[in-house]
Protein backbone atom coordinates (compact mmCIF):
# COMPACT_ATOMS: atom_id res chain seq x y z
CA MET A 1 13.91 -5.38 14.61
CA SER A 2 13.90 -8.16 12.12
CA GLU A 3 14.79 -11.39 13.87
CA THR A 4 16.94 -12.62 11.00
CA THR A 5 18.97 -9.51 10.17
CA GLY A 6 18.97 -7.30 13.27
CA THR A 7 17.74 -4.40 11.12
CA PRO A 8 14.43 -2.61 11.54
CA PRO A 9 11.54 -3.77 9.36
CA VAL A 10 11.05 -1.88 6.11
CA LYS A 11 7.91 -0.16 4.89
CA PHE A 12 7.13 -0.80 1.22
CA THR A 13 4.32 1.22 -0.33
CA ILE A 14 2.73 1.23 -3.74
CA THR A 15 -0.08 3.31 -5.19
CA HIS A 16 -2.65 1.78 -7.49
CA HIS A 17 -4.89 3.41 -10.06
CA ARG A 18 -7.72 1.35 -11.45
CA GLN A 19 -8.21 0.68 -15.12
CA PRO A 20 -10.74 3.24 -16.42
CA GLN A 21 -13.41 0.66 -17.33
CA HIS A 22 -13.87 -0.17 -13.63
CA THR A 23 -15.48 1.88 -10.90
CA HIS A 24 -13.51 2.69 -7.77
CA GLU A 25 -15.85 0.48 -5.74
CA ALA A 26 -15.47 -2.52 -8.09
CA PHE A 27 -11.69 -2.07 -8.06
CA ILE A 28 -11.46 -2.12 -4.26
CA ASP A 29 -13.83 -5.10 -4.19
CA TRP A 30 -11.47 -6.96 -6.58
CA ILE A 31 -8.47 -6.25 -4.35
CA VAL A 32 -10.21 -7.29 -1.12
CA ASN A 33 -12.29 -10.24 -2.33
CA GLU A 34 -10.28 -11.71 -5.21
CA HIS A 35 -6.64 -10.65 -4.93
CA LEU A 36 -6.13 -10.72 -1.13
CA PRO A 37 -7.39 -14.28 -0.53
CA LEU A 38 -4.70 -15.44 -2.96
CA ALA A 39 -2.03 -13.06 -1.66
CA ILE A 40 -2.37 -13.65 2.08
CA PRO A 41 -0.88 -17.18 2.03
CA VAL A 42 2.17 -15.71 0.26
CA PHE A 43 2.42 -12.99 2.91
CA GLU A 44 2.33 -15.65 5.61
CA LYS A 45 4.96 -17.71 3.81
CA TYR A 46 7.46 -14.83 3.76
CA GLY A 47 6.73 -13.36 7.18
CA VAL A 48 5.05 -10.13 6.10
CA ILE A 49 4.56 -8.21 9.33
CA ASP A 50 1.71 -5.95 8.25
CA TYR A 51 -0.39 -5.19 5.18
CA SER A 52 -2.84 -2.35 4.98
CA LEU A 53 -5.01 -0.97 2.24
CA PHE A 54 -5.43 2.80 2.42
CA VAL A 55 -8.47 3.44 0.21
CA THR A 56 -8.80 6.92 -1.30
CA PRO A 57 -12.32 7.36 -2.72
CA PRO A 58 -12.51 10.09 -5.38
CA PRO A 59 -15.21 12.11 -3.55
CA LEU A 60 -12.99 12.38 -0.45
CA ASN A 61 -9.93 13.37 -2.47
CA ASP A 62 -11.89 15.87 -4.56
CA GLY A 63 -13.37 17.40 -1.42
CA LEU A 64 -9.95 17.63 0.20
CA LYS A 65 -8.51 19.30 -2.88
CA GLN A 66 -11.35 21.86 -2.90
CA GLU A 67 -11.06 22.61 0.83
CA ILE A 68 -7.30 22.55 1.31
CA GLY A 69 -6.09 23.34 -2.21
CA GLY A 70 -6.67 27.06 -1.70
CA LEU A 71 -4.68 27.00 1.54
CA ARG A 72 -1.84 24.99 0.00
CA PRO A 73 -1.80 25.92 -3.71
CA THR A 74 1.59 24.27 -4.32
CA TRP A 75 0.47 20.85 -3.10
CA ASP A 76 -0.24 18.02 -5.52
CA PHE A 77 -3.17 15.86 -4.48
CA ALA A 78 -2.91 12.12 -5.06
CA GLU A 79 -5.50 10.81 -7.48
CA CYS A 80 -4.85 7.10 -7.02
CA ASP A 81 -7.52 4.70 -5.83
CA CYS A 82 -5.45 3.29 -2.99
CA PHE A 83 -2.11 3.02 -1.28
CA ILE A 84 -0.95 -0.44 -0.32
CA GLU A 85 1.40 -0.50 2.64
CA TYR A 86 3.52 -3.48 3.62
CA THR A 87 5.76 -3.82 6.65
CA LEU A 88 8.38 -6.41 5.79
CA PRO A 89 11.21 -8.13 7.64
CA SER A 90 13.73 -7.07 4.97
CA VAL A 91 14.13 -5.63 1.50
CA GLU A 92 14.78 -9.17 0.22
CA THR A 93 11.21 -10.07 1.13
CA ILE A 94 9.98 -7.99 -1.83
CA LYS A 95 12.01 -10.01 -4.34
CA ASN A 96 11.09 -13.29 -2.64
CA ILE A 97 7.39 -12.54 -2.86
CA MET A 98 7.46 -11.25 -6.42
CA SER A 99 9.39 -14.28 -7.68
CA ASP A 100 7.13 -16.82 -5.95
CA PRO A 101 4.85 -18.79 -8.32
CA GLU A 102 1.96 -18.40 -5.84
CA TRP A 103 2.33 -14.61 -6.10
CA GLN A 104 2.05 -14.87 -9.88
CA VAL A 105 -1.32 -16.56 -9.35
CA ALA A 106 -2.35 -13.82 -6.88
CA VAL A 107 -1.63 -11.08 -9.46
CA LYS A 108 -2.83 -12.97 -12.55
CA ASP A 109 -5.71 -10.52 -13.21
CA GLN A 110 -3.76 -7.42 -12.22
CA ASP A 111 -3.44 -5.96 -15.73
CA GLN A 112 -7.22 -6.13 -16.16
CA TRP A 113 -7.74 -4.08 -12.98
CA VAL A 114 -4.60 -2.03 -12.24
CA ASP A 115 -3.07 0.68 -14.41
CA VAL A 116 0.35 -0.76 -13.55
CA PRO A 117 2.56 1.86 -15.29
CA ARG A 118 1.07 4.59 -13.04
CA ALA A 119 2.12 2.87 -9.81
CA LEU A 120 4.34 4.85 -7.47
CA VAL A 121 6.57 2.74 -5.24
CA SER A 122 8.53 3.77 -2.15
CA LEU A 123 10.72 2.00 0.37
CA GLY A 124 11.88 3.18 3.77
CA TYR A 125 11.44 2.97 7.51
CA SER A 126 8.45 4.01 9.56
CA THR A 127 8.47 5.37 13.10
CA THR A 128 5.25 6.15 14.95
CA TYR A 129 5.50 9.31 17.04
CA PHE A 130 1.86 9.75 18.01
CA ARG A 131 -0.80 7.05 18.54
CA HIS A 132 -4.18 6.91 20.22
CA GLY A 133 -3.88 10.52 21.38
CA LYS A 134 -0.46 10.07 22.99
CA ALA A 135 3.09 10.97 22.01
CA LEU A 136 5.46 8.04 21.49
CA SER A 137 9.15 7.65 20.68
CA ILE A 138 10.03 11.20 21.63
CA SER A 139 12.98 11.96 23.82
CA LYS A 140 12.49 14.88 26.16
């Protein structure tokens, strides 16, 4: 639960596609080595609980589509370069971060690297039911 509101933390996710002039590897390198060092102080400032970068290399996605696509022909396979996942104390944290001048510095090169209009954003709650080979949060 969030200490300030008594509500559970929220999960905020966003997909990113790289600009076509960059390789997948260069794009991920930009996020990790240029963007994140500027972003992390902002995360700390607003009490971000967790941040993870789920990297989706094209060869893995293409292989998955070839292997599983025939078994699940109605599935769409994500073609983004990564999913960014935040666990936040509240929905307000999103607005606070995005309006912070330090965040504007952290995303200053974003349009050169990210195909921003293709981003897919979602907001909700996350419950872990299975971790490290064991069931969790399941009533019998």
